[in-house]
N, C-alpha and C. Protein backbone atom coordinates (compact mmCIF):
# COMPACT_ATOMS: atom_id res chain seq x y z
N MET A 1 4.58 -14.14 -17.09
CA MET A 1 5.41 -12.63 -17.12
C MET A 1 5.91 -12.40 -15.92
N LYS A 2 6.97 -11.71 -16.03
CA LYS A 2 8.09 -11.28 -15.06
C LYS A 2 7.78 -10.08 -14.81
N LEU A 3 7.56 -9.53 -13.62
CA LEU A 3 7.31 -7.97 -13.46
C LEU A 3 8.15 -7.97 -12.15
N VAL A 4 8.76 -6.40 -11.96
CA VAL A 4 9.58 -6.21 -10.73
C VAL A 4 8.15 -5.51 -9.81
N PHE A 5 8.31 -5.63 -9.20
CA PHE A 5 7.45 -4.92 -7.96
C PHE A 5 8.52 -3.93 -6.89
N ALA A 6 8.53 -2.58 -7.02
CA ALA A 6 9.66 -1.70 -6.68
C ALA A 6 9.35 -1.66 -5.04
N THR A 7 9.66 -2.58 -4.27
CA THR A 7 9.58 -2.39 -2.90
C THR A 7 10.48 -3.43 -2.02
N HIS A 8 10.86 -3.00 -0.93
CA HIS A 8 11.55 -3.99 -0.08
C HIS A 8 10.90 -4.46 1.01
N ASN A 9 9.28 -4.06 0.83
CA ASN A 9 8.55 -4.67 2.02
C ASN A 9 8.02 -5.86 2.15
N PRO A 10 8.64 -6.76 2.69
CA PRO A 10 8.23 -8.26 2.23
C PRO A 10 6.55 -8.43 2.38
N GLY A 11 5.80 -7.81 3.19
CA GLY A 11 4.41 -7.95 3.67
C GLY A 11 3.81 -7.32 2.42
N LYS A 12 4.26 -6.50 2.04
CA LYS A 12 3.51 -6.03 0.43
C LYS A 12 3.82 -7.05 -0.72
N LEU A 13 5.13 -7.28 -0.73
CA LEU A 13 5.57 -8.09 -1.80
C LEU A 13 4.73 -9.39 -1.81
N GLN A 14 4.24 -10.01 -0.89
CA GLN A 14 3.63 -11.45 -0.03
C GLN A 14 2.24 -11.26 -0.68
N GLU A 15 1.91 -9.86 -0.48
CA GLU A 15 0.38 -9.73 -0.53
C GLU A 15 -0.03 -9.51 -2.59
N VAL A 16 0.86 -8.80 -2.56
CA VAL A 16 0.55 -8.49 -4.43
C VAL A 16 1.40 -10.04 -5.03
N ARG A 17 2.14 -10.90 -4.78
CA ARG A 17 2.36 -11.95 -5.17
C ARG A 17 1.10 -13.08 -5.11
N GLU A 18 0.49 -12.85 -4.17
CA GLU A 18 -0.83 -13.71 -3.97
C GLU A 18 -1.83 -12.95 -4.82
N LEU A 19 -1.91 -11.73 -5.04
CA LEU A 19 -3.09 -11.15 -6.02
C LEU A 19 -2.54 -11.74 -7.41
N LEU A 20 -1.18 -11.34 -7.81
CA LEU A 20 -1.03 -11.71 -9.38
C LEU A 20 -0.77 -13.25 -9.91
N ALA A 21 -0.83 -14.21 -8.51
CA ALA A 21 -0.59 -15.52 -9.18
C ALA A 21 -1.96 -16.09 -9.78
N PRO A 22 -1.60 -17.19 -10.41
CA PRO A 22 -0.38 -17.85 -11.07
C PRO A 22 0.37 -17.18 -12.16
N ASP A 23 -0.60 -16.23 -12.99
CA ASP A 23 -0.24 -15.42 -14.27
C ASP A 23 0.92 -14.84 -14.20
N TYR A 24 1.34 -13.96 -13.10
CA TYR A 24 2.65 -13.24 -13.20
C TYR A 24 3.58 -13.58 -12.14
N GLU A 25 5.17 -13.84 -12.74
CA GLU A 25 6.22 -13.97 -11.68
C GLU A 25 6.21 -12.51 -11.08
N VAL A 26 6.33 -11.89 -9.45
CA VAL A 26 6.66 -10.85 -9.40
C VAL A 26 7.91 -11.17 -8.71
N ILE A 27 8.83 -10.09 -8.84
CA ILE A 27 9.87 -10.44 -8.04
C ILE A 27 10.35 -8.88 -7.22
N GLY A 28 10.58 -8.52 -6.20
CA GLY A 28 10.72 -7.45 -5.39
C GLY A 28 12.21 -7.02 -5.62
N LEU A 29 12.92 -5.79 -5.41
CA LEU A 29 13.74 -5.37 -5.24
C LEU A 29 15.04 -6.21 -4.82
N THR A 30 14.86 -6.87 -3.49
CA THR A 30 16.11 -7.44 -3.11
C THR A 30 16.08 -8.62 -4.01
N ASP A 31 15.26 -9.16 -4.47
CA ASP A 31 15.26 -10.33 -5.65
C ASP A 31 16.57 -9.93 -6.58
N LEU A 32 16.48 -8.81 -7.07
CA LEU A 32 17.39 -8.72 -7.96
C LEU A 32 18.65 -7.94 -7.33
N GLY A 33 18.99 -8.27 -6.30
CA GLY A 33 20.11 -7.72 -5.47
C GLY A 33 20.42 -6.20 -5.09
N ASP A 34 19.07 -5.65 -5.25
CA ASP A 34 19.06 -3.92 -5.25
C ASP A 34 18.82 -3.51 -3.78
N HIS A 35 19.34 -3.36 -2.97
CA HIS A 35 19.24 -2.86 -1.70
C HIS A 35 19.02 -1.30 -1.22
N GLU A 36 19.00 -0.83 -2.59
CA GLU A 36 18.98 0.84 -2.23
C GLU A 36 17.71 1.39 -1.99
N GLU A 37 17.52 2.21 -0.91
CA GLU A 37 16.26 2.56 -0.46
C GLU A 37 15.98 3.83 -1.51
N ILE A 38 14.99 3.78 -2.25
CA ILE A 38 14.24 5.15 -3.18
C ILE A 38 13.53 6.06 -2.48
N GLU A 39 14.37 7.08 -2.37
CA GLU A 39 13.54 8.38 -1.51
C GLU A 39 12.54 8.40 -1.85
N GLU A 40 11.09 8.85 -1.35
CA GLU A 40 9.93 9.07 -1.59
C GLU A 40 9.78 10.60 -1.39
N THR A 41 10.18 11.68 -2.44
CA THR A 41 9.78 12.83 -1.88
C THR A 41 8.90 13.99 -2.50
N ALA A 42 8.20 13.06 -3.21
CA ALA A 42 6.82 13.64 -3.60
C ALA A 42 5.78 13.67 -2.36
N GLN A 43 4.58 14.82 -3.14
CA GLN A 43 4.06 15.20 -1.69
C GLN A 43 2.32 14.45 -1.82
N THR A 44 2.73 13.73 -3.02
CA THR A 44 1.23 12.77 -3.45
C THR A 44 1.84 11.40 -3.42
N LEU A 45 0.69 10.48 -3.42
CA LEU A 45 0.90 8.95 -3.21
C LEU A 45 1.13 8.83 -5.03
N GLU A 46 0.70 9.61 -5.82
CA GLU A 46 0.83 9.34 -7.34
C GLU A 46 2.54 9.54 -7.47
N GLY A 47 2.56 10.65 -7.08
CA GLY A 47 4.00 11.08 -7.18
C GLY A 47 5.02 10.00 -6.65
N ASN A 48 5.16 9.81 -5.52
CA ASN A 48 5.88 8.99 -4.83
C ASN A 48 6.01 7.19 -5.99
N ALA A 49 4.78 7.00 -6.12
CA ALA A 49 4.59 5.63 -6.97
C ALA A 49 5.37 5.68 -7.97
N TRP A 50 5.30 6.85 -9.06
CA TRP A 50 6.05 7.49 -9.94
C TRP A 50 7.63 7.21 -9.73
N ILE A 51 7.83 8.08 -8.57
CA ILE A 51 9.73 7.82 -8.35
C ILE A 51 10.14 6.49 -8.36
N LYS A 52 9.12 5.96 -7.93
CA LYS A 52 9.84 4.51 -7.39
C LYS A 52 10.16 3.63 -8.85
N ALA A 53 9.07 3.53 -9.43
CA ALA A 53 8.56 2.60 -10.92
C ALA A 53 9.52 3.55 -12.07
N ARG A 54 9.69 4.85 -12.22
CA ARG A 54 10.57 5.19 -12.99
C ARG A 54 12.28 4.86 -12.70
N THR A 55 12.20 4.86 -11.56
CA THR A 55 13.69 4.56 -11.02
C THR A 55 14.09 3.24 -11.29
N VAL A 56 13.35 2.27 -10.91
CA VAL A 56 13.56 0.74 -11.48
C VAL A 56 13.69 0.95 -12.63
N TRP A 57 13.11 1.27 -13.56
CA TRP A 57 12.93 1.06 -15.03
C TRP A 57 14.45 1.55 -15.42
N GLN A 58 14.43 2.88 -15.11
CA GLN A 58 16.12 3.61 -15.64
C GLN A 58 17.08 2.53 -14.89
N LYS A 59 17.12 2.40 -14.03
CA LYS A 59 18.19 1.49 -13.37
C LYS A 59 18.69 -0.07 -13.89
N HIS A 60 17.09 -0.46 -14.12
CA HIS A 60 17.63 -1.91 -14.09
C HIS A 60 17.00 -2.33 -15.97
N GLY A 61 16.38 -1.44 -16.35
CA GLY A 61 15.73 -1.55 -17.65
C GLY A 61 14.49 -2.86 -17.78
N LEU A 62 14.06 -3.15 -16.58
CA LEU A 62 12.93 -3.87 -16.45
C LEU A 62 11.40 -3.21 -16.46
N SER A 63 10.32 -3.99 -16.79
CA SER A 63 8.90 -3.46 -16.67
C SER A 63 9.04 -3.83 -14.98
N CYS A 64 8.37 -2.52 -14.43
CA CYS A 64 7.75 -2.93 -13.14
C CYS A 64 6.77 -2.20 -12.89
N PHE A 65 6.35 -1.84 -11.39
CA PHE A 65 5.33 -1.31 -10.85
C PHE A 65 5.86 -1.26 -9.49
N SER A 66 5.07 -0.13 -9.02
CA SER A 66 5.22 0.44 -7.82
C SER A 66 3.79 1.02 -6.73
N ASP A 67 3.87 0.91 -5.82
CA ASP A 67 2.57 1.54 -5.34
C ASP A 67 3.02 2.56 -4.15
N ASP A 68 2.04 3.28 -3.85
CA ASP A 68 2.05 4.14 -2.38
C ASP A 68 0.94 4.02 -1.89
N THR A 69 0.76 4.14 -0.58
CA THR A 69 -0.40 3.87 0.30
C THR A 69 -0.55 4.87 1.31
N GLY A 70 -1.87 5.49 1.18
CA GLY A 70 -1.76 6.57 2.37
C GLY A 70 -3.39 6.06 3.25
N LEU A 71 -3.09 6.33 4.68
CA LEU A 71 -4.07 6.14 5.33
C LEU A 71 -4.95 7.76 5.68
N GLU A 72 -5.65 7.82 4.80
CA GLU A 72 -6.30 9.33 5.13
C GLU A 72 -7.44 9.34 6.27
N ILE A 73 -7.25 9.97 7.47
CA ILE A 73 -8.29 10.14 8.33
C ILE A 73 -9.30 11.55 8.33
N GLU A 74 -10.41 11.20 8.50
CA GLU A 74 -11.15 12.59 8.39
C GLU A 74 -10.95 13.48 9.54
N ALA A 75 -11.07 12.98 10.82
CA ALA A 75 -10.46 14.09 11.82
C ALA A 75 -9.36 14.75 11.82
N LEU A 76 -8.48 13.99 11.30
CA LEU A 76 -7.16 14.55 11.34
C LEU A 76 -6.56 15.39 10.00
N ASN A 77 -7.84 15.72 8.94
CA ASN A 77 -7.73 16.48 7.88
C ASN A 77 -6.82 15.73 6.77
N GLY A 78 -7.01 14.37 6.81
CA GLY A 78 -6.51 13.67 5.69
C GLY A 78 -5.05 13.24 6.14
N ALA A 79 -4.64 13.44 7.16
CA ALA A 79 -3.61 12.77 8.01
C ALA A 79 -3.46 11.33 8.01
N PRO A 80 -2.61 10.77 8.32
CA PRO A 80 -1.29 10.97 8.00
C PRO A 80 -0.88 10.90 6.40
N GLY A 81 -1.95 10.31 5.34
CA GLY A 81 -1.95 10.45 3.94
C GLY A 81 -0.58 10.14 3.27
N VAL A 82 0.23 11.04 2.79
CA VAL A 82 1.52 10.63 1.99
C VAL A 82 2.42 10.35 2.83
N PHE A 83 2.33 10.69 4.48
CA PHE A 83 3.42 10.56 5.34
C PHE A 83 3.14 9.19 6.18
N SER A 84 2.29 8.47 5.80
CA SER A 84 1.70 7.29 6.59
C SER A 84 3.19 6.75 7.23
N ALA A 85 3.95 6.34 6.28
CA ALA A 85 5.08 5.56 6.84
C ALA A 85 5.63 5.78 8.03
N ARG A 86 5.54 7.38 7.48
CA ARG A 86 6.49 7.85 8.50
C ARG A 86 5.76 8.71 9.92
N PHE A 87 4.61 8.75 9.96
CA PHE A 87 3.86 9.44 10.77
C PHE A 87 4.58 9.98 11.91
N ALA A 88 4.96 8.80 12.74
CA ALA A 88 5.39 8.79 14.10
C ALA A 88 6.91 9.22 14.04
N GLY A 89 7.60 9.53 12.95
CA GLY A 89 8.86 9.42 12.66
C GLY A 89 9.87 8.73 11.49
N PRO A 90 11.43 9.31 11.15
CA PRO A 90 11.79 8.56 9.96
C PRO A 90 12.01 6.98 10.11
N GLU A 91 11.83 6.71 11.33
CA GLU A 91 12.05 5.30 11.84
C GLU A 91 10.84 4.32 10.82
N LYS A 92 10.00 4.97 10.50
CA LYS A 92 8.92 4.06 9.74
C LYS A 92 8.47 2.93 10.81
N ASP A 93 8.09 3.19 11.86
CA ASP A 93 8.00 2.00 12.93
C ASP A 93 6.22 2.26 12.98
N PRO A 94 5.59 0.97 12.42
CA PRO A 94 4.32 0.56 12.49
C PRO A 94 4.02 0.64 14.03
N GLN A 95 4.53 0.10 14.87
CA GLN A 95 3.76 0.29 15.66
C GLN A 95 3.75 1.68 16.83
N ALA A 96 4.86 2.37 16.16
CA ALA A 96 4.98 4.02 16.70
C ALA A 96 3.70 4.65 16.16
N ASN A 97 3.51 4.13 14.69
CA ASN A 97 2.59 4.79 13.89
C ASN A 97 1.08 4.91 14.36
N MET A 98 1.01 3.60 14.53
CA MET A 98 -0.30 3.20 15.33
C MET A 98 -0.90 3.77 16.60
N ASP A 99 0.21 3.81 17.33
CA ASP A 99 -0.02 4.53 18.58
C ASP A 99 -0.35 5.81 18.66
N LYS A 100 0.19 6.98 17.76
CA LYS A 100 0.11 8.21 17.49
C LYS A 100 -1.15 8.26 16.62
N VAL A 101 -1.71 7.45 15.81
CA VAL A 101 -3.30 7.57 15.22
C VAL A 101 -4.42 7.55 16.61
N LEU A 102 -3.75 6.44 17.37
CA LEU A 102 -5.24 6.08 18.35
C LEU A 102 -4.82 7.31 19.55
N HIS A 103 -3.60 8.00 19.65
CA HIS A 103 -3.40 8.83 20.87
C HIS A 103 -4.26 10.21 20.24
N GLU A 104 -3.99 10.42 18.92
CA GLU A 104 -4.59 11.79 18.28
C GLU A 104 -5.95 11.54 18.01
N LEU A 105 -6.78 10.48 18.30
CA LEU A 105 -7.86 9.97 17.95
C LEU A 105 -8.48 9.98 19.22
N ARG A 106 -8.17 10.17 20.35
CA ARG A 106 -8.52 9.54 21.71
C ARG A 106 -9.86 10.06 21.92
N ASP A 107 -10.18 11.08 21.52
CA ASP A 107 -11.30 11.93 22.06
C ASP A 107 -11.94 12.39 20.86
N GLN A 108 -11.94 11.46 19.81
CA GLN A 108 -12.79 11.72 18.58
C GLN A 108 -13.87 10.85 18.44
N LYS A 109 -15.16 11.59 18.15
CA LYS A 109 -15.98 10.58 18.00
C LYS A 109 -16.13 10.38 16.41
N ASN A 110 -15.66 10.90 15.45
CA ASN A 110 -15.62 10.69 14.21
C ASN A 110 -14.39 9.78 13.77
N ARG A 111 -14.17 8.96 13.66
CA ARG A 111 -13.32 7.70 13.26
C ARG A 111 -13.05 7.61 11.77
N ASP A 112 -14.14 8.21 11.08
CA ASP A 112 -13.73 7.85 9.74
C ASP A 112 -12.70 7.96 8.99
N ALA A 113 -12.35 6.98 7.93
CA ALA A 113 -10.75 6.94 7.50
C ALA A 113 -11.00 6.28 5.97
N ARG A 114 -9.97 6.36 5.08
CA ARG A 114 -10.03 5.47 4.25
C ARG A 114 -8.11 5.12 3.98
N PHE A 115 -8.24 4.22 3.32
CA PHE A 115 -7.18 3.41 2.91
C PHE A 115 -6.80 3.78 0.77
N ARG A 116 -6.00 4.72 0.68
CA ARG A 116 -5.65 4.53 -0.99
C ARG A 116 -4.52 4.29 -1.39
N THR A 117 -4.52 3.98 -2.50
CA THR A 117 -3.22 3.14 -2.96
C THR A 117 -3.32 3.71 -4.55
N ALA A 118 -1.90 4.10 -4.97
CA ALA A 118 -1.79 4.83 -6.45
C ALA A 118 -0.78 3.41 -6.71
N VAL A 119 -0.91 3.07 -8.03
CA VAL A 119 0.03 1.86 -8.35
C VAL A 119 0.84 2.44 -9.93
N ALA A 120 1.73 2.94 -10.19
CA ALA A 120 2.55 3.25 -11.21
C ALA A 120 2.91 1.93 -11.80
N LEU A 121 2.71 1.94 -13.19
CA LEU A 121 3.40 0.92 -13.99
C LEU A 121 4.13 1.21 -15.12
N VAL A 122 5.08 0.85 -15.24
CA VAL A 122 6.29 1.12 -16.35
C VAL A 122 6.48 -0.44 -17.24
N LEU A 123 5.46 -0.04 -18.32
CA LEU A 123 5.62 -1.62 -19.31
C LEU A 123 6.48 -1.02 -20.23
N ASN A 124 7.88 -1.89 -20.64
CA ASN A 124 8.35 -1.36 -21.89
C ASN A 124 8.51 0.00 -22.16
N GLY A 125 8.85 0.72 -20.74
CA GLY A 125 8.77 2.26 -21.39
C GLY A 125 7.49 3.00 -21.21
N ASN A 126 6.59 2.24 -21.11
CA ASN A 126 5.22 2.99 -21.41
C ASN A 126 4.59 2.87 -19.83
N GLU A 127 3.86 4.31 -19.62
CA GLU A 127 3.54 4.70 -18.30
C GLU A 127 2.00 4.46 -17.74
N TYR A 128 1.52 3.71 -17.14
CA TYR A 128 0.10 3.87 -16.66
C TYR A 128 -0.09 3.90 -15.21
N LEU A 129 -1.28 4.32 -14.85
CA LEU A 129 -1.66 4.70 -13.17
C LEU A 129 -3.00 3.86 -13.05
N PHE A 130 -3.12 3.29 -11.66
CA PHE A 130 -4.04 2.60 -11.14
C PHE A 130 -4.22 3.20 -9.77
N GLU A 131 -5.57 2.89 -9.40
CA GLU A 131 -5.74 3.52 -8.10
C GLU A 131 -6.88 2.45 -7.45
N GLY A 132 -6.96 2.32 -6.06
CA GLY A 132 -7.91 1.73 -5.23
C GLY A 132 -8.14 2.36 -4.26
N THR A 133 -9.33 2.29 -3.47
CA THR A 133 -9.76 3.15 -2.10
C THR A 133 -10.47 2.19 -1.44
N VAL A 134 -10.41 2.24 0.05
CA VAL A 134 -11.14 1.34 0.74
C VAL A 134 -11.76 2.05 1.99
N ASN A 135 -13.25 2.71 1.92
CA ASN A 135 -13.42 3.35 3.29
C ASN A 135 -13.61 2.52 4.36
N GLY A 136 -13.49 3.14 5.80
CA GLY A 136 -13.63 2.61 6.76
C GLY A 136 -13.73 3.10 8.11
N VAL A 137 -13.31 2.53 9.37
CA VAL A 137 -12.93 3.33 10.68
C VAL A 137 -11.71 2.80 11.41
N ILE A 138 -11.13 3.99 12.05
CA ILE A 138 -10.24 3.18 13.11
C ILE A 138 -10.68 3.08 14.03
N THR A 139 -10.16 2.01 14.70
CA THR A 139 -11.05 1.44 15.89
C THR A 139 -10.56 1.76 17.00
N THR A 140 -10.56 1.66 18.17
CA THR A 140 -10.39 2.24 19.51
C THR A 140 -9.04 1.76 20.04
N SER A 141 -9.02 0.53 19.39
CA SER A 141 -7.63 -0.47 20.00
C SER A 141 -7.23 -1.32 19.02
N GLN A 142 -5.91 -1.95 19.23
CA GLN A 142 -5.64 -2.82 18.00
C GLN A 142 -6.20 -4.41 18.17
N SER A 143 -6.01 -4.96 16.76
CA SER A 143 -6.98 -6.08 17.00
C SER A 143 -6.21 -7.08 15.64
N GLY A 144 -5.91 -8.16 16.07
CA GLY A 144 -5.30 -8.75 15.16
C GLY A 144 -3.75 -9.08 14.78
N ALA A 145 -3.28 -10.30 14.05
CA ALA A 145 -1.92 -10.04 14.07
C ALA A 145 -1.33 -10.32 12.73
N LYS A 146 -2.40 -10.03 11.75
CA LYS A 146 -2.17 -10.81 10.24
C LYS A 146 -1.78 -9.36 9.57
N GLY A 147 -1.37 -9.20 8.48
CA GLY A 147 -1.19 -7.91 7.65
C GLY A 147 -0.03 -7.09 8.30
N PHE A 148 -0.14 -5.95 8.11
CA PHE A 148 1.29 -5.04 8.34
C PHE A 148 0.66 -3.89 8.19
N GLY A 149 1.55 -2.87 8.73
CA GLY A 149 1.34 -1.43 8.84
C GLY A 149 0.04 -1.20 9.78
N TYR A 150 -1.01 -0.17 9.32
CA TYR A 150 -2.11 0.05 9.95
C TYR A 150 -3.10 -0.76 10.42
N ASP A 151 -2.94 -2.05 9.52
CA ASP A 151 -4.01 -3.33 9.45
C ASP A 151 -4.83 -3.37 11.11
N PRO A 152 -4.08 -3.36 12.31
CA PRO A 152 -4.80 -3.83 13.49
C PRO A 152 -5.65 -3.00 13.89
N ILE A 153 -5.65 -1.38 13.13
CA ILE A 153 -6.78 -0.35 13.93
C ILE A 153 -7.77 -0.14 12.45
N PHE A 154 -7.46 -0.53 11.31
CA PHE A 154 -8.51 -0.15 10.22
C PHE A 154 -9.31 -1.12 10.05
N SER A 155 -10.50 -1.22 10.30
CA SER A 155 -11.92 -1.62 9.95
C SER A 155 -12.68 -1.05 8.78
N PRO A 156 -12.48 -1.84 7.89
CA PRO A 156 -13.00 -1.40 6.79
C PRO A 156 -15.06 -1.42 6.65
N ASN A 157 -15.75 -0.68 6.10
CA ASN A 157 -17.15 -0.46 6.23
C ASN A 157 -17.62 -1.83 5.43
N GLY A 158 -18.64 -2.13 6.32
CA GLY A 158 -19.11 -3.42 6.21
C GLY A 158 -18.61 -4.76 7.15
N PHE A 159 -17.75 -4.49 7.45
CA PHE A 159 -17.15 -5.66 8.40
C PHE A 159 -16.85 -5.13 9.95
N SER A 160 -16.93 -6.46 10.94
CA SER A 160 -16.76 -6.11 12.04
C SER A 160 -15.48 -6.23 12.79
N THR A 161 -14.38 -6.55 11.54
CA THR A 161 -13.06 -6.98 11.95
C THR A 161 -12.51 -6.12 11.47
N THR A 162 -11.05 -6.00 12.00
CA THR A 162 -9.80 -5.28 11.29
C THR A 162 -8.84 -5.82 9.94
N PHE A 163 -8.42 -5.44 9.24
CA PHE A 163 -7.87 -5.87 8.11
C PHE A 163 -6.85 -6.99 8.62
N ALA A 164 -6.22 -6.80 9.92
CA ALA A 164 -5.54 -7.68 10.54
C ALA A 164 -6.04 -8.85 11.27
N GLU A 165 -7.22 -8.88 11.21
CA GLU A 165 -8.08 -10.11 11.60
C GLU A 165 -8.59 -10.91 10.60
N MET A 166 -8.33 -10.30 9.32
CA MET A 166 -8.79 -10.85 8.21
C MET A 166 -7.86 -12.24 7.43
N ASP A 167 -8.40 -13.03 6.91
CA ASP A 167 -7.47 -14.17 6.01
C ASP A 167 -6.93 -13.34 4.81
N ALA A 168 -6.45 -13.69 4.27
CA ALA A 168 -5.55 -12.88 2.87
C ALA A 168 -6.68 -12.88 2.10
N PRO A 169 -7.21 -13.98 1.31
CA PRO A 169 -8.17 -13.87 0.35
C PRO A 169 -9.05 -12.92 0.70
N THR A 170 -9.59 -12.82 1.92
CA THR A 170 -10.57 -11.65 2.26
C THR A 170 -10.12 -10.41 2.08
N LYS A 171 -8.75 -10.20 2.83
CA LYS A 171 -8.52 -8.71 3.12
C LYS A 171 -7.88 -8.56 1.16
N ASN A 172 -7.52 -9.12 0.27
CA ASN A 172 -6.99 -8.96 -0.84
C ASN A 172 -8.25 -8.52 -1.71
N GLU A 173 -9.35 -9.04 -1.64
CA GLU A 173 -10.70 -8.99 -2.27
C GLU A 173 -11.11 -7.36 -2.12
N ILE A 174 -11.29 -6.95 -0.71
CA ILE A 174 -11.58 -5.83 -0.88
C ILE A 174 -10.68 -4.43 -0.17
N SER A 175 -9.53 -4.70 -0.63
CA SER A 175 -8.62 -3.73 -0.02
C SER A 175 -8.37 -2.77 -0.76
N HIS A 176 -7.79 -1.42 -0.36
CA HIS A 176 -7.53 -0.55 -1.59
C HIS A 176 -5.92 -1.23 -2.46
N ARG A 177 -5.05 -1.94 -2.14
CA ARG A 177 -4.15 -2.42 -2.72
C ARG A 177 -4.79 -3.72 -3.77
N GLY A 178 -5.48 -4.17 -3.00
CA GLY A 178 -6.05 -5.34 -3.89
C GLY A 178 -6.92 -4.65 -5.15
N LEU A 179 -7.71 -3.51 -4.77
CA LEU A 179 -8.74 -3.21 -5.93
C LEU A 179 -7.94 -2.31 -7.00
N ALA A 180 -6.59 -1.87 -6.89
CA ALA A 180 -5.57 -1.08 -7.40
C ALA A 180 -4.94 -2.19 -8.43
N ILE A 181 -4.49 -3.27 -7.61
CA ILE A 181 -3.99 -4.28 -8.33
C ILE A 181 -4.88 -4.93 -9.43
N LYS A 182 -6.13 -5.18 -9.16
CA LYS A 182 -6.91 -5.79 -9.98
C LYS A 182 -7.01 -5.02 -11.33
N LYS A 183 -7.23 -4.05 -10.99
CA LYS A 183 -6.79 -3.12 -12.21
C LYS A 183 -5.88 -3.20 -13.12
N LEU A 184 -4.68 -3.33 -12.60
CA LEU A 184 -3.21 -3.46 -13.01
C LEU A 184 -3.60 -4.67 -14.00
N VAL A 185 -4.17 -6.04 -13.49
CA VAL A 185 -4.11 -7.26 -13.77
C VAL A 185 -4.97 -7.07 -14.95
N ALA A 186 -6.05 -6.21 -14.75
CA ALA A 186 -7.07 -6.08 -16.13
C ALA A 186 -6.37 -5.82 -16.86
N PHE A 187 -5.60 -4.61 -16.98
CA PHE A 187 -5.13 -4.10 -18.25
C PHE A 187 -4.11 -4.79 -18.73
N LEU A 188 -3.23 -5.28 -17.89
CA LEU A 188 -2.01 -6.47 -18.30
C LEU A 188 -2.66 -7.17 -19.18
N LYS A 189 -4.07 -8.21 -18.88
CA LYS A 189 -4.32 -9.15 -19.69
C LYS A 189 -4.87 -8.60 -21.22
N GLU A 190 -5.44 -7.25 -21.40
CA GLU A 190 -5.76 -6.62 -22.11
C GLU A 190 -4.70 -6.35 -23.19
N ASN A 191 -3.42 -6.04 -22.60
CA ASN A 191 -2.45 -5.49 -23.54
C ASN A 191 -1.63 -6.50 -23.55
């Protein structure tokens, strides 16, 4: 089965392809020749996921799914949350975002955080939502070169490494996106 993942992010696309292989062929927006950025204007992760999935369904008529992920830091009252990609500005610069988080937490003892992902699926015009959450802490410095986004400063509970230090199978097994996608896959297998 072929599904469109409503993203231009190559890191996300590769991660999701690994999670859905070999049963599903996942293509991104660029594979469709669609280079238009879909505006994420909702105030929730779920809302942004729905905007992207519905836009692709309406524009291309193809079954698709999309996600929105937020890093929610306890000491920052849940920030950056829905604004995770743009935390340091509209440029969506991952390094600047990590630098801002580390700067804002520099005097904080409480470094508890969680990653939360909402996955919206439009399958033949019907809509479904799946979520995944992983709890952990923000490290005091960056470590690791794998992954993307905030991975070099997030260490999941029960691990002494960051997501950016983990191999893809380990990260995909426990990550917020991995957990949400597993729910999506279970649903697709049943339907």
